[in-house]
Protein backbone atom coordinates (compact mmCIF):
# COMPACT_ATOMS: atom_id res chain seq x y z
CA MET A 1 -44.35 -34.03 -77.00
CA ALA A 2 -43.53 -31.08 -79.27
CA ASP A 3 -44.24 -28.61 -76.47
CA PHE A 4 -42.02 -30.59 -74.11
CA SER A 5 -39.13 -30.59 -76.66
CA SER A 6 -39.52 -26.86 -77.26
CA THR A 7 -39.48 -26.10 -73.52
CA LEU A 8 -36.46 -28.34 -73.00
CA LEU A 9 -34.58 -26.64 -75.86
CA SER A 10 -35.31 -23.14 -74.56
CA ARG A 11 -34.18 -24.09 -71.07
CA THR A 12 -31.01 -25.63 -72.50
CA ILE A 13 -30.24 -22.41 -74.43
CA GLN A 14 -31.02 -20.30 -71.37
CA ASN A 15 -28.80 -22.42 -69.16
CA SER A 16 -25.97 -22.30 -71.69
CA GLN A 17 -26.26 -18.50 -71.93
CA GLU A 18 -26.25 -18.21 -68.17
CA GLY A 19 -23.30 -20.56 -68.07
CA VAL A 20 -21.35 -18.45 -70.57
CA ALA A 21 -22.20 -15.28 -68.63
CA ASP A 22 -21.11 -16.86 -65.35
CA GLN A 23 -17.88 -18.02 -66.95
CA LEU A 24 -17.16 -14.52 -68.27
CA VAL A 25 -17.84 -12.98 -64.87
CA GLU A 26 -15.61 -15.54 -63.17
CA LEU A 27 -12.86 -14.95 -65.76
CA TRP A 28 -13.09 -11.18 -65.17
CA ARG A 29 -12.75 -11.70 -61.42
CA GLN A 30 -9.69 -13.89 -61.89
CA VAL A 31 -8.00 -11.42 -64.24
CA ARG A 32 -9.09 -8.25 -62.46
CA ALA A 33 -7.16 -8.49 -59.20
CA PRO A 34 -3.73 -9.70 -60.39
CA PHE A 35 -3.53 -7.90 -63.76
CA VAL A 36 -6.05 -5.07 -64.23
CA ALA A 37 -6.04 -3.61 -60.72
CA PRO A 38 -2.25 -2.90 -60.55
CA LEU A 39 -2.28 -1.14 -63.92
CA LEU A 40 -5.36 0.89 -63.04
CA GLN A 41 -3.89 1.77 -59.63
CA LEU A 42 -0.77 3.03 -61.41
CA ALA A 43 -2.94 5.17 -63.67
CA VAL A 44 -4.78 6.53 -60.62
CA ASN A 45 -1.50 7.43 -58.90
CA ILE A 46 -0.15 9.19 -61.99
CA CYS A 47 -3.39 11.16 -62.34
CA LEU A 48 -3.28 12.10 -58.65
CA VAL A 49 0.21 13.53 -59.15
CA MET A 50 -1.08 15.62 -62.06
CA VAL A 51 -4.07 16.80 -60.01
CA VAL A 52 -1.70 17.93 -57.25
CA MET A 53 0.44 19.76 -59.84
CA LEU A 54 -2.64 21.53 -61.15
CA PHE A 55 -3.89 22.33 -57.65
CA MET A 56 -0.55 23.81 -56.51
CA GLU A 57 -0.36 25.92 -59.66
CA ARG A 58 -3.88 27.29 -59.05
CA ILE A 59 -3.14 28.06 -55.39
CA TYR A 60 0.14 29.76 -56.31
CA MET A 61 -1.46 31.94 -58.99
CA CYS A 62 -4.43 32.93 -56.85
CA GLY A 63 -2.08 33.71 -53.96
CA VAL A 64 0.08 35.95 -56.15
CA LEU A 65 -3.04 37.67 -57.47
CA VAL A 66 -4.30 38.40 -53.94
CA ILE A 67 -0.91 39.80 -52.88
CA THR A 68 -0.79 41.93 -56.04
CA LYS A 69 -4.21 43.36 -55.27
CA LEU A 70 -3.40 44.01 -51.61
CA LEU A 71 -0.14 45.78 -52.47
CA ARG A 72 -1.83 47.59 -55.37
CA ARG A 73 0.93 46.57 -57.76
CA THR A 74 -0.86 47.89 -60.83
CA PRO A 75 1.02 48.25 -64.13
CA GLU A 76 0.95 52.03 -63.71
CA ARG A 77 2.77 51.69 -60.35
CA ARG A 78 5.28 49.08 -61.51
CA TYR A 79 6.16 50.87 -64.73
CA LYS A 80 6.43 54.50 -65.68
CA TRP A 81 3.36 55.79 -67.46
CA GLU A 82 2.73 59.36 -68.53
CA PRO A 83 0.25 60.57 -71.13
CA ILE A 84 1.65 61.88 -74.38
CA ARG A 85 1.37 65.66 -74.11
CA ASP A 86 0.98 68.10 -76.97
CA ASP A 87 4.08 70.14 -77.78
CA LEU A 88 3.66 73.47 -79.56
CA GLU A 89 7.15 73.34 -81.07
CA LEU A 90 7.33 69.67 -82.05
CA GLY A 91 3.65 69.31 -82.91
CA ASN A 92 2.49 65.79 -83.70
CA SER A 93 6.06 64.50 -83.97
CA VAL A 94 5.91 63.77 -80.22
CA PHE A 95 3.63 60.88 -81.18
CA PRO A 96 5.65 57.89 -82.38
CA MET A 97 4.82 56.21 -85.68
CA VAL A 98 2.45 53.30 -85.13
CA LEU A 99 1.52 50.50 -87.49
CA VAL A 100 -1.85 48.80 -87.03
CA GLN A 101 -2.12 45.37 -88.63
CA ILE A 102 -5.48 43.67 -89.28
CA PRO A 103 -5.02 40.17 -90.72
CA MET A 104 -8.19 38.67 -92.20
CA TYR A 105 -9.39 35.74 -94.26
CA ASN A 106 -12.86 35.70 -95.83
CA GLU A 107 -14.26 37.81 -92.98
CA ARG A 108 -17.50 38.85 -94.69
CA GLU A 109 -19.46 39.42 -91.48
CA VAL A 110 -16.93 41.39 -89.43
CA TYR A 111 -14.40 43.07 -91.73
CA GLN A 112 -16.13 46.45 -91.46
CA LEU A 113 -16.10 46.38 -87.65
CA SER A 114 -12.34 46.00 -87.29
CA ILE A 115 -11.43 48.45 -90.05
CA GLN A 116 -13.84 51.06 -88.70
CA ALA A 117 -12.53 50.66 -85.14
CA ALA A 118 -8.88 50.88 -86.26
CA CYS A 119 -9.56 53.97 -88.35
CA GLY A 120 -11.27 55.53 -85.33
CA LEU A 121 -8.23 55.26 -83.04
CA SER A 122 -7.27 58.57 -81.42
CA TRP A 123 -3.87 59.22 -82.97
CA PRO A 124 -2.57 61.84 -85.42
CA SER A 125 -3.40 60.64 -88.92
CA GLU A 126 0.11 61.34 -90.21
CA ARG A 127 1.62 59.21 -87.39
CA ILE A 128 -0.36 56.02 -87.97
CA VAL A 129 -0.63 53.43 -90.74
CA ILE A 130 -3.60 51.04 -90.88
CA GLN A 131 -2.48 47.91 -92.71
CA VAL A 132 -5.24 45.50 -93.79
CA LEU A 133 -3.66 42.13 -94.61
CA ASP A 134 -6.29 40.37 -96.70
CA ASP A 135 -5.68 36.69 -97.42
CA SER A 136 -9.26 36.16 -98.60
CA THR A 137 -9.81 33.60 -101.34
CA ASP A 138 -13.38 34.69 -102.07
CA PRO A 139 -13.14 37.41 -104.78
CA ILE A 140 -16.41 39.02 -103.68
CA ILE A 141 -15.22 39.42 -100.08
CA LYS A 142 -11.83 40.59 -101.30
CA ASN A 143 -13.49 43.32 -103.34
CA LEU A 144 -15.66 44.37 -100.37
CA VAL A 145 -12.63 44.69 -98.08
CA GLU A 146 -10.72 46.71 -100.68
CA LEU A 147 -13.66 49.05 -101.19
CA GLU A 148 -13.94 49.56 -97.42
CA CYS A 149 -10.25 50.49 -97.27
CA GLN A 150 -10.69 52.92 -100.16
CA ARG A 151 -13.68 54.48 -98.40
CA TRP A 152 -11.62 55.26 -95.30
CA ALA A 153 -8.64 56.38 -97.37
CA GLY A 154 -10.97 58.89 -99.00
CA LYS A 155 -11.58 60.34 -95.53
CA GLY A 156 -7.89 61.05 -95.05
CA ILE A 157 -6.98 57.89 -93.11
CA ASN A 158 -3.67 56.28 -94.05
CA VAL A 159 -5.02 52.81 -94.93
CA LYS A 160 -2.94 50.28 -96.84
CA TYR A 161 -4.70 47.32 -98.45
CA GLU A 162 -2.19 44.47 -98.80
CA VAL A 163 -2.70 41.09 -100.47
CA ARG A 164 -0.52 38.07 -101.25
CA ASP A 165 -0.61 35.56 -104.07
CA ASN A 166 -0.54 32.67 -101.57
CA ARG A 167 -1.43 31.84 -97.96
CA ASN A 168 1.93 30.42 -96.92
CA GLY A 169 2.31 30.55 -93.15
CA TYR A 170 -1.33 31.61 -92.73
CA LYS A 171 -1.61 34.44 -90.18
CA ALA A 172 2.12 34.40 -89.34
CA GLY A 173 2.94 34.58 -93.03
CA ALA A 174 0.60 37.52 -93.55
CA LEU A 175 2.01 39.46 -90.58
CA LYS A 176 5.56 38.72 -91.68
CA GLU A 177 4.86 39.84 -95.23
CA GLY A 178 3.23 43.02 -93.95
CA MET A 179 6.33 43.90 -91.92
CA LYS A 180 8.41 43.88 -95.14
CA ARG A 181 6.69 46.92 -96.62
CA SER A 182 8.95 49.95 -96.97
CA TYR A 183 6.71 52.29 -94.99
CA VAL A 184 6.96 50.01 -91.93
CA LYS A 185 10.60 51.04 -91.46
CA ALA A 186 9.42 54.41 -90.15
CA CYS A 187 7.23 52.77 -87.48
CA ASP A 188 8.30 52.12 -83.89
CA TYR A 189 5.37 50.03 -82.68
CA VAL A 190 2.78 47.69 -84.15
CA ALA A 191 -0.72 47.04 -82.83
CA ILE A 192 -2.42 43.85 -83.96
CA PHE A 193 -6.17 43.20 -84.11
CA ASP A 194 -7.96 40.18 -85.51
CA ALA A 195 -10.86 40.89 -87.83
CA ASP A 196 -13.56 40.71 -85.13
CA PHE A 197 -11.73 42.95 -82.62
CA GLN A 198 -12.92 46.50 -82.04
CA PRO A 199 -10.53 48.64 -79.97
CA ASP A 200 -11.83 51.77 -78.28
CA PRO A 201 -10.49 55.09 -79.62
CA GLU A 202 -8.13 55.61 -76.64
CA PHE A 203 -6.45 52.20 -77.02
CA LEU A 204 -3.14 53.54 -78.35
CA LEU A 205 -3.12 56.49 -75.93
CA ARG A 206 -3.26 54.02 -73.01
CA THR A 207 -0.80 51.43 -74.30
CA ILE A 208 1.94 53.25 -76.21
CA PRO A 209 3.15 55.33 -73.20
CA PHE A 210 4.21 52.10 -71.46
CA LEU A 211 6.51 51.32 -74.38
CA ILE A 212 7.79 54.89 -74.70
CA HIS A 213 8.86 55.27 -71.06
CA ASN A 214 9.99 51.68 -70.37
CA PRO A 215 12.61 50.49 -72.86
CA GLN A 216 12.63 46.99 -71.33
CA LEU A 217 9.00 46.39 -72.31
CA GLY A 218 8.40 44.62 -75.60
CA LEU A 219 4.65 43.98 -75.42
CA VAL A 220 1.51 45.53 -73.94
CA GLN A 221 -1.47 43.16 -73.92
CA ALA A 222 -5.09 44.19 -73.35
CA ARG A 223 -7.97 42.07 -72.10
CA TRP A 224 -10.69 40.63 -74.32
CA LYS A 225 -14.29 41.73 -73.82
CA PHE A 226 -16.87 39.35 -75.27
CA VAL A 227 -19.79 41.02 -77.02
CA ASN A 228 -21.75 37.79 -77.51
CA SER A 229 -21.13 35.96 -74.24
CA ASN A 230 -24.92 35.75 -73.66
CA GLU A 231 -25.63 34.28 -77.08
CA CYS A 232 -25.89 30.66 -75.90
CA ILE A 233 -24.81 28.33 -73.11
CA MET A 234 -21.60 27.48 -74.99
CA THR A 235 -20.46 31.10 -75.10
CA ARG A 236 -21.17 31.40 -71.36
CA MET A 237 -18.92 28.37 -70.76
CA GLN A 238 -16.15 29.96 -72.85
CA GLU A 239 -16.47 33.18 -70.88
CA ILE A 240 -15.76 31.34 -67.61
CA SER A 241 -12.60 29.73 -69.00
CA LEU A 242 -11.26 32.85 -70.71
CA ASP A 243 -12.02 35.15 -67.78
CA TYR A 244 -9.79 32.97 -65.62
CA HIS A 245 -7.08 33.06 -68.27
CA PHE A 246 -7.04 36.86 -68.41
CA LEU A 247 -7.85 37.76 -64.81
CA VAL A 248 -5.45 35.23 -63.26
CA GLU A 249 -2.93 33.68 -65.67
CA GLN A 250 -2.10 36.84 -67.62
CA GLN A 251 -2.06 39.11 -64.58
CA VAL A 252 0.14 36.76 -62.56
CA GLY A 253 2.57 36.28 -65.43
CA SER A 254 2.77 40.03 -65.93
CA SER A 255 3.31 40.85 -62.25
CA THR A 256 5.91 38.14 -61.49
CA TYR A 257 8.26 37.37 -64.38
CA GLY A 258 7.01 39.96 -66.86
CA PHE A 259 6.16 37.04 -69.13
CA PHE A 260 2.95 35.55 -70.51
CA GLY A 261 1.69 34.28 -73.83
CA PHE A 262 0.73 36.91 -76.36
CA ASN A 263 -2.94 36.40 -77.23
CA GLY A 264 -2.34 37.10 -80.91
CA THR A 265 -4.51 40.21 -80.95
CA ALA A 266 -5.43 43.29 -78.87
CA GLY A 267 -1.75 43.94 -78.13
CA VAL A 268 1.01 46.37 -79.08
CA TRP A 269 4.55 45.19 -79.83
CA ARG A 270 7.77 47.13 -79.94
CA ILE A 271 8.98 46.38 -83.47
CA ASN A 272 12.58 46.05 -82.26
CA ALA A 273 11.46 43.26 -79.92
CA ILE A 274 9.85 41.38 -82.81
CA ASN A 275 12.95 41.75 -84.96
CA GLU A 276 15.34 40.76 -82.17
CA ALA A 277 13.29 37.64 -81.46
CA GLY A 278 13.56 36.55 -85.08
CA GLY A 279 10.27 37.87 -86.43
CA TRP A 280 7.10 35.93 -87.13
CA GLN A 281 7.53 32.19 -87.66
CA ASP A 282 5.00 29.70 -89.00
CA ARG A 283 6.42 26.47 -87.58
CA THR A 284 3.32 26.01 -85.38
CA THR A 285 -0.30 27.19 -85.34
CA VAL A 286 0.42 29.45 -82.33
CA GLU A 287 2.68 32.01 -83.95
CA ASP A 288 1.72 34.52 -81.24
CA MET A 289 2.92 32.28 -78.38
CA ASP A 290 6.03 31.35 -80.35
CA LEU A 291 7.02 35.00 -80.74
CA ALA A 292 6.28 35.74 -77.07
CA VAL A 293 8.49 32.89 -75.83
CA ARG A 294 11.37 33.85 -78.12
CA ALA A 295 11.09 37.52 -77.15
CA GLY A 296 10.93 36.54 -73.46
CA LEU A 297 14.12 34.51 -73.87
CA LYS A 298 15.78 37.62 -75.30
CA GLY A 299 15.06 39.42 -72.03
CA TRP A 300 12.05 41.48 -73.11
CA LYS A 301 9.33 42.01 -70.52
CA PHE A 302 5.59 42.12 -71.10
CA VAL A 303 2.81 43.99 -69.30
CA TYR A 304 -0.85 43.04 -69.18
CA LEU A 305 -3.55 45.71 -68.70
CA ASN A 306 -6.63 44.19 -67.13
CA ASN A 307 -8.43 47.55 -67.04
CA LEU A 308 -8.16 47.96 -70.82
CA SER A 309 -10.47 45.71 -72.81
CA VAL A 310 -11.10 45.22 -76.51
CA LYS A 311 -14.45 43.99 -77.79
CA ASN A 312 -14.48 40.76 -79.75
CA GLU A 313 -16.66 37.79 -80.61
CA LEU A 314 -16.59 34.27 -79.18
CA PRO A 315 -17.19 31.35 -81.55
CA SER A 316 -20.85 30.43 -81.18
CA THR A 317 -21.04 27.37 -83.43
CA PHE A 318 -19.74 24.07 -82.09
CA LYS A 319 -17.75 23.41 -85.26
CA ALA A 320 -15.92 26.74 -85.04
CA PHE A 321 -15.24 26.24 -81.34
CA ARG A 322 -13.84 22.72 -81.90
CA ASN A 323 -11.52 23.98 -84.64
CA GLN A 324 -10.30 26.78 -82.41
CA GLN A 325 -9.71 24.48 -79.44
CA HIS A 326 -7.78 22.00 -81.61
CA ARG A 327 -5.45 24.80 -82.72
CA TRP A 328 -5.10 26.24 -79.22
CA SER A 329 -4.25 22.81 -77.74
CA CYS A 330 -2.14 21.31 -80.51
CA GLY A 331 -0.07 24.44 -81.17
CA PRO A 332 1.38 24.93 -77.65
CA ALA A 333 2.30 21.24 -77.37
CA SER A 334 4.05 21.36 -80.74
CA LEU A 335 5.82 24.60 -79.80
CA PHE A 336 7.00 23.12 -76.49
CA ARG A 337 8.60 20.20 -78.29
CA LYS A 338 10.36 22.49 -80.75
CA ILE A 339 11.46 25.30 -78.43
CA LEU A 340 12.48 23.32 -75.32
CA PRO A 341 16.17 23.00 -76.37
CA GLN A 342 16.28 26.76 -76.99
CA ILE A 343 14.89 27.44 -73.51
CA LEU A 344 17.33 25.07 -71.81
CA SER A 345 20.38 26.50 -73.59
CA ASN A 346 19.37 30.14 -73.08
CA LYS A 347 21.88 32.23 -71.09
CA LYS A 348 20.06 35.56 -71.10
CA VAL A 349 17.24 34.87 -68.63
CA HIS A 350 17.66 33.64 -65.06
CA PHE A 351 17.03 30.08 -63.91
CA TRP A 352 13.66 30.66 -62.23
CA LYS A 353 12.16 32.33 -65.30
CA LYS A 354 13.14 29.28 -67.35
CA VAL A 355 11.52 27.05 -64.72
CA HIS A 356 8.38 29.18 -64.93
CA ILE A 357 8.22 28.92 -68.72
CA ILE A 358 8.91 25.18 -68.87
CA TYR A 359 7.00 23.93 -65.85
CA ALA A 360 4.15 26.38 -65.19
CA PHE A 361 3.54 27.89 -68.62
CA PHE A 362 3.97 24.79 -70.78
CA ILE A 363 3.85 21.55 -68.78
CA VAL A 364 1.11 22.33 -66.26
CA ARG A 365 -1.14 24.70 -68.21
CA LYS A 366 -0.70 23.49 -71.79
CA ILE A 367 -0.19 19.74 -71.32
CA VAL A 368 -1.12 18.40 -67.88
CA ALA A 369 -4.33 20.42 -67.59
CA HIS A 370 -5.75 18.88 -70.77
CA ILE A 371 -4.53 15.33 -70.28
CA VAL A 372 -5.50 14.90 -66.62
CA THR A 373 -8.99 16.32 -67.18
CA PHE A 374 -9.84 13.67 -69.76
CA THR A 375 -7.86 10.64 -68.55
CA PHE A 376 -8.74 11.01 -64.87
CA PHE A 377 -12.33 12.20 -64.92
CA CYS A 378 -13.54 10.52 -68.12
CA VAL A 379 -11.49 7.29 -68.24
CA VAL A 380 -9.80 6.34 -64.97
CA ILE A 381 -12.49 7.28 -62.44
CA PRO A 382 -15.22 5.49 -64.44
CA ALA A 383 -12.95 2.44 -64.70
CA THR A 384 -12.43 2.28 -60.93
CA VAL A 385 -16.11 1.39 -60.40
CA LEU A 386 -15.43 -1.80 -62.35
CA VAL A 387 -12.33 -2.64 -60.30
CA PRO A 388 -13.10 -2.29 -56.56
CA GLU A 389 -9.56 -3.41 -55.66
CA VAL A 390 -8.28 0.00 -56.76
CA HIS A 391 -7.98 2.67 -54.07
CA LEU A 392 -9.22 6.09 -55.20
CA PRO A 393 -8.81 8.71 -52.44
CA LYS A 394 -11.60 11.24 -52.20
CA TRP A 395 -9.14 14.11 -51.73
CA GLY A 396 -7.86 13.53 -55.26
CA ALA A 397 -11.14 12.67 -56.93
CA ILE A 398 -13.42 15.20 -55.23
CA TYR A 399 -11.85 17.73 -52.85
CA LEU A 400 -8.88 19.11 -54.83
CA PRO A 401 -10.78 19.17 -58.15
CA SER A 402 -13.65 21.00 -56.43
CA ILE A 403 -11.28 23.68 -55.12
CA ILE A 404 -9.68 24.04 -58.55
CA THR A 405 -13.11 24.42 -60.14
CA ILE A 406 -14.29 27.02 -57.63
CA LEU A 407 -11.10 29.07 -58.10
CA ASN A 408 -11.71 29.02 -61.85
CA ALA A 409 -15.34 30.06 -61.54
CA MET A 410 -14.69 32.92 -59.10
CA THR A 411 -13.44 35.08 -61.97
CA THR A 412 -16.94 35.02 -63.51
CA PRO A 413 -19.33 35.35 -60.54
CA ARG A 414 -22.35 36.02 -62.75
CA SER A 415 -22.07 32.47 -64.11
CA PHE A 416 -21.47 30.69 -60.81
CA HIS A 417 -24.88 29.01 -61.06
CA LEU A 418 -23.68 27.37 -64.29
CA LEU A 419 -20.73 25.72 -62.56
CA VAL A 420 -22.01 22.15 -62.95
CA PHE A 421 -22.64 22.65 -66.66
CA TRP A 422 -19.17 24.16 -67.06
CA ILE A 423 -17.56 21.11 -65.39
CA LEU A 424 -19.40 18.70 -67.70
CA PHE A 425 -18.65 20.86 -70.75
CA GLU A 426 -14.93 21.16 -69.96
CA ASN A 427 -14.67 17.40 -69.42
CA VAL A 428 -16.26 16.80 -72.82
CA MET A 429 -13.93 19.27 -74.53
CA SER A 430 -10.92 17.71 -72.78
CA LEU A 431 -11.26 14.74 -75.14
CA LEU A 432 -10.59 16.93 -78.18
CA ARG A 433 -7.90 18.91 -76.34
CA THR A 434 -6.11 15.75 -75.22
CA LYS A 435 -6.08 14.37 -78.77
CA ALA A 436 -4.78 17.71 -80.07
CA THR A 437 -2.09 17.85 -77.36
CA ILE A 438 -0.85 14.37 -78.24
CA ILE A 439 -0.84 15.29 -81.94
CA GLY A 440 1.28 18.34 -81.13
CA LEU A 441 3.71 16.47 -78.87
CA LEU A 442 4.21 13.63 -81.36
CA ASP A 443 4.09 15.81 -84.50
CA LEU A 444 1.28 13.78 -86.08
CA GLY A 445 -0.97 14.42 -89.10
CA ARG A 446 -3.09 17.45 -88.12
CA VAL A 447 -0.30 19.22 -86.21
CA ASN A 448 -0.22 22.25 -88.53
CA GLU A 449 -3.88 22.32 -89.48
CA TRP A 450 -5.11 25.92 -89.55
CA ILE A 451 -8.83 26.63 -89.84
CA VAL A 452 -9.88 30.24 -89.31
CA THR A 453 -12.43 30.58 -86.51
CA GLU A 454 -15.80 31.47 -88.03
CA LYS A 455 -17.32 34.76 -86.83
CA LEU A 456 -21.01 35.45 -87.29
CA GLY A 457 -21.00 39.17 -86.56
CA ASP A 458 -24.14 41.29 -86.26
CA ALA A 459 -25.18 40.74 -89.87
CA LEU A 460 -26.06 37.09 -89.28
CA LYS A 461 -27.84 37.49 -85.93
CA ALA A 462 -31.25 37.49 -87.59
CA LYS A 463 -30.41 34.35 -89.56
CA VAL A 464 -28.97 32.37 -86.68
CA SER A 465 -31.31 29.98 -84.88
CA LYS A 466 -30.79 27.90 -81.80
CA LEU A 467 -30.41 24.18 -82.22
CA THR A 468 -33.96 23.77 -80.95
CA LYS A 469 -35.05 24.86 -84.41
CA LYS A 470 -34.73 22.63 -87.43
CA THR A 471 -31.67 23.40 -89.54
CA ARG A 472 -29.75 21.40 -92.06
CA LEU A 473 -26.27 20.36 -91.06
CA LYS A 474 -23.87 17.92 -92.62
CA ILE A 475 -23.67 14.56 -90.86
CA SER A 476 -19.94 15.12 -90.28
CA ASP A 477 -20.69 18.47 -88.63
CA ARG A 478 -23.53 17.11 -86.53
CA PHE A 479 -22.22 13.83 -85.14
CA HIS A 480 -18.90 13.20 -83.40
CA VAL A 481 -18.28 9.48 -83.07
CA THR A 482 -15.49 9.65 -80.49
CA GLU A 483 -17.62 11.66 -78.07
CA LEU A 484 -20.50 9.22 -78.55
CA LEU A 485 -18.25 6.21 -77.84
CA VAL A 486 -16.87 7.82 -74.68
CA GLY A 487 -20.45 8.61 -73.66
CA VAL A 488 -21.39 4.93 -74.03
CA TYR A 489 -18.38 3.91 -71.93
CA VAL A 490 -19.16 6.41 -69.15
CA PHE A 491 -22.84 5.43 -69.19
CA PHE A 492 -21.96 1.73 -68.86
CA CYS A 493 -19.69 2.48 -65.89
CA ALA A 494 -22.41 4.62 -64.31
CA SER A 495 -24.97 1.83 -64.72
CA TYR A 496 -22.59 -0.72 -63.20
CA ASP A 497 -21.86 1.57 -60.26
CA PHE A 498 -25.59 2.18 -59.74
CA SER A 499 -26.25 -1.57 -59.67
CA PHE A 500 -23.22 -2.93 -57.82
CA GLY A 501 -21.09 -0.03 -56.55
CA HIS A 502 -20.93 1.66 -53.16
CA ASP A 503 -19.17 5.00 -53.86
CA LEU A 504 -22.08 6.82 -55.54
CA PHE A 505 -19.91 7.84 -58.51
CA TYR A 506 -22.95 7.32 -60.74
CA ILE A 507 -24.25 10.67 -59.48
CA TYR A 508 -21.44 12.26 -61.51
CA LEU A 509 -21.10 9.64 -64.26
CA PHE A 510 -24.69 9.70 -65.52
CA PRO A 511 -24.73 13.50 -66.18
CA GLN A 512 -21.26 13.27 -67.68
CA SER A 513 -22.35 10.56 -70.10
CA ILE A 514 -25.35 12.67 -71.10
CA ALA A 515 -23.00 15.61 -71.75
CA PHE A 516 -20.93 13.43 -74.08
CA PHE A 517 -24.09 12.29 -75.90
CA VAL A 518 -25.27 15.89 -76.32
CA ALA A 519 -21.88 16.96 -77.70
CA GLY A 520 -21.61 13.83 -79.83
CA CYS A 521 -24.94 14.65 -81.46
CA GLY A 522 -23.88 18.27 -82.01
CA TYR A 523 -26.56 19.86 -79.84
CA ILE A 524 -24.28 22.60 -78.54
CA GLY A 525 -24.00 26.23 -79.57
CA VAL A 526 -25.97 27.89 -82.33
CA SER A 527 -26.64 26.66 -85.84
CA VAL A 528 -26.36 28.69 -89.02
CA PRO A 529 -29.10 27.79 -91.52
CA SER A 530 -27.86 26.63 -94.91
């Protein structure tokens, strides 16, 4: 009798559970078609529009690049360039006065590299000023940087060690304060290098002549060359993205409208252009882009030199990379919101240049590219497997994105075999970039957060271990809850599609969910032992 009662009770519970499950499924089916499907279809259509915008922008830029190559429209052919020749009568006075600024903040591992490279530039010593702008808060590092400057000054190099009693404005504040020094008034041009950048000796000899012979030019930008791109899979992924930025975006901007975003380092400015644009401003975390846009609106043109590269270091820890990407995504969105009225009311540049700055430079590349990558490929497409009433055309979900991806990867042919990993990695990072973009557009809490990108330098190479080795990391540095939650969502959609779907999206969704889990657990990049 007891066994019979127990069996009856278990069957009753099982039947009630099945009944509740059936009711939930039936409720979902009733709600799905009239309410969920129309909203999701609207989201799909909006995302498809953004994909088309991104696709047309990629095709346009690649087309311009091909034409530029075929016509051999190199900077040396579009602008006058002649080497600075020695003059027996004038002597070294034929060389203009150049200021070299090196802003740094607690750069223990790399401060010597940048100072040494700047002091090794081929330029008459009496016609150059090396200005080290040290905002370090660590007194030991501060003392090391000062001693390094004194060492080079003892060799006859004109090195100025400058400090402030605060960090107001961060990098922009340091550069602005440096420009106020009395000796800067004698300078015509300023070259800027971040603390991990190492220009070759002929850098000034190849860039300054453009500014001397072309009074309309305000900026000469060089390419970045990554010394640690082979350090880990994360640095290889960064190389693919940044190679496209320099080889395509910067070259196209330079060859069409003479406008592109200053990269904040490895460039030479005409000081008059900086002053006319209003100087350095710290209203956003992208002071370099802010200055470039304002100078562009004043009519100044920029030239990008793809055949001149400056060695630098990519962030190789996931924490440093996340901080950098937050700043690089939030800053442009914030700047767009603040500078849009100034662009619209500008009378000095022609209509199509304003269209280029607003639509191509800001909306497509700085806003749409981030938002559509996350919302479409990590939210909307997974959701469509749960709502079969939604129509998702393959041209928008597969074909156009594939072409966009291939065009991106073509700039780094040595990493073409890593294309799948790059897609998954970029989709994961689009979550952080989308959040940062929204923060910038809406002027929310972390909009002006500035965290200096950590550089490991050569001194720490022996201490750095891959994440396959045991190292101690803070829980907050290791785990990222948002990425883990998105990974769970994508994995659930993949499992549903595998069980009930017909479009085979699970082939993409399962690896993508794993990528989110890997990132959420912090198993990306290298780890610095405590």
